Protein backbone atom coordinates (compact mmCIF):
# COMPACT_ATOMS: atom_id res chain seq x y z
CA UNK A 1 -50.10 49.33 -107.90
CA UNK A 2 -48.80 47.10 -104.85
CA UNK A 3 -52.42 47.22 -103.32
CA UNK A 4 -54.16 46.26 -106.84
CA UNK A 5 -51.69 43.46 -107.48
CA UNK A 6 -52.38 42.13 -103.87
CA UNK A 7 -55.77 42.24 -104.40
CA UNK A 8 -56.00 40.70 -107.73
CA UNK A 9 -53.79 37.68 -106.40
CA UNK A 10 -55.97 37.36 -103.32
CA UNK A 11 -59.03 36.98 -105.70
CA UNK A 12 -57.21 34.32 -108.02
CA UNK A 13 -56.44 32.27 -105.30
CA UNK A 14 -59.97 32.36 -103.90
CA UNK A 15 -61.53 31.61 -106.94
CA UNK A 16 -59.26 28.89 -107.93
CA UNK A 17 -60.06 26.95 -104.38
CA UNK A 18 -63.89 27.24 -104.82
CA UNK A 19 -63.62 24.26 -107.37
CA UNK A 20 -61.87 22.20 -104.82
CA UNK A 21 -64.79 22.70 -102.45
CA UNK A 22 -67.49 20.88 -105.02
CA UNK A 23 -66.09 17.31 -104.05
CA UNK A 24 -68.28 14.03 -104.77
CA UNK A 25 -67.48 10.98 -102.66
CA UNK A 26 -66.48 7.57 -104.23
CA UNK A 27 -69.87 6.11 -103.17
CA UNK A 28 -71.70 8.51 -105.35
CA UNK A 29 -69.40 8.11 -108.51
CA UNK A 30 -69.73 4.43 -108.23
CA UNK A 31 -73.43 4.24 -107.78
CA UNK A 32 -75.49 2.59 -110.63
CA UNK A 33 -77.50 5.79 -111.06
CA UNK A 34 -74.44 8.00 -111.40
CA UNK A 35 -72.77 5.45 -113.97
CA UNK A 36 -75.93 4.96 -115.91
CA UNK A 37 -76.40 8.93 -116.22
CA UNK A 38 -72.79 9.47 -117.43
CA UNK A 39 -73.36 7.04 -120.25
CA UNK A 40 -71.95 3.76 -118.89
CA UNK A 41 -73.27 0.63 -120.25
CA UNK A 42 -75.07 -1.92 -118.25
CA UNK A 43 -72.08 -4.31 -118.28
CA UNK A 44 -69.69 -1.70 -116.83
CA UNK A 45 -72.25 -0.85 -114.08
CA UNK A 46 -72.46 -4.50 -113.24
CA UNK A 47 -68.44 -4.88 -113.47
CA UNK A 48 -68.16 -1.69 -110.95
CA UNK A 49 -70.77 -3.16 -108.53
CA UNK A 50 -69.22 -6.59 -108.85
CA UNK A 51 -65.86 -5.16 -107.84
CA UNK A 52 -67.18 -3.17 -104.98
CA UNK A 53 -68.92 -6.26 -103.65
CA UNK A 54 -65.96 -8.30 -104.01
CA UNK A 55 -63.97 -5.85 -102.11
CA UNK A 56 -66.41 -5.88 -99.37
CA UNK A 57 -66.53 -9.59 -99.28
CA UNK A 58 -70.23 -9.64 -100.27
CA UNK A 59 -71.92 -11.51 -103.00
CA UNK A 60 -73.36 -9.78 -106.04
CA UNK A 61 -75.86 -11.23 -108.04
CA UNK A 62 -76.24 -9.36 -111.60
CA UNK A 63 -79.87 -8.54 -112.61
CA UNK A 64 -79.43 -10.98 -115.72
CA UNK A 65 -78.81 -13.61 -113.17
CA UNK A 66 -81.54 -12.71 -110.46
CA UNK A 67 -84.33 -13.85 -112.88
CA UNK A 68 -82.95 -17.33 -113.10
CA UNK A 69 -82.99 -17.74 -109.39
CA UNK A 70 -86.16 -19.37 -108.89
CA UNK A 71 -86.34 -21.70 -111.71
CA UNK A 72 -86.83 -25.42 -111.24
CA UNK A 73 -83.82 -27.68 -111.24
CA UNK A 74 -84.69 -29.14 -114.55
CA UNK A 75 -84.72 -25.83 -116.03
CA UNK A 76 -81.53 -24.68 -114.63
CA UNK A 77 -79.95 -28.04 -115.74
CA UNK A 78 -81.04 -27.60 -119.08
CA UNK A 79 -79.80 -24.03 -119.49
CA UNK A 80 -76.42 -25.32 -118.35
CA UNK A 81 -76.35 -27.95 -120.56
CA UNK A 82 -76.97 -25.67 -123.48
CA UNK A 83 -74.38 -23.21 -122.15
CA UNK A 84 -71.87 -25.99 -121.96
CA UNK A 85 -72.53 -26.98 -125.60
CA UNK A 86 -72.60 -23.63 -127.11
CA UNK A 87 -69.60 -21.62 -125.81
CA UNK A 88 -71.13 -18.33 -127.30
CA UNK A 89 -73.78 -18.44 -124.56
CA UNK A 90 -73.01 -16.08 -121.37
CA UNK A 91 -72.77 -18.16 -118.17
CA UNK A 92 -72.40 -15.14 -116.13
CA UNK A 93 -68.78 -16.41 -114.94
CA UNK A 94 -66.95 -13.11 -116.04
CA UNK A 95 -65.00 -11.51 -113.07
CA UNK A 96 -65.44 -14.66 -110.95
CA UNK A 97 -62.35 -15.30 -109.45
CA UNK A 98 -62.66 -18.76 -107.95
CA UNK A 99 -59.34 -19.99 -108.58
CA UNK A 100 -58.82 -23.84 -108.13
CA UNK A 101 -55.45 -25.49 -108.27
CA UNK A 102 -56.67 -28.92 -109.48
CA UNK A 103 -58.25 -29.55 -112.94
CA UNK A 104 -61.77 -30.66 -113.06
CA UNK A 105 -64.67 -31.05 -115.62
CA UNK A 106 -65.53 -27.37 -115.00
CA UNK A 107 -62.48 -26.57 -117.10
CA UNK A 108 -63.94 -27.80 -120.28
């Protein structure tokens, strides 16, 4: 009885620790592929990548903003004007924490 109880206890401890050996790193969990494959939206993936870039002191440009990088200045100005006139349009300023202590025209 004593040997079987010891053997059973040893097996339970051995099997309970094997799950802890299957670890995954933070880098893998926050990768875009992992997040997409686990059902997260594009906005969530962009938020995670922007948070990681901000924590590392890097600049992150989302995919929606990359396509507007090489446009002429007039097209950029017209887009900014329409975004200013229609608050429902997205100006990609979400999670940008550039806090200024004095008011300016950008606060409108």
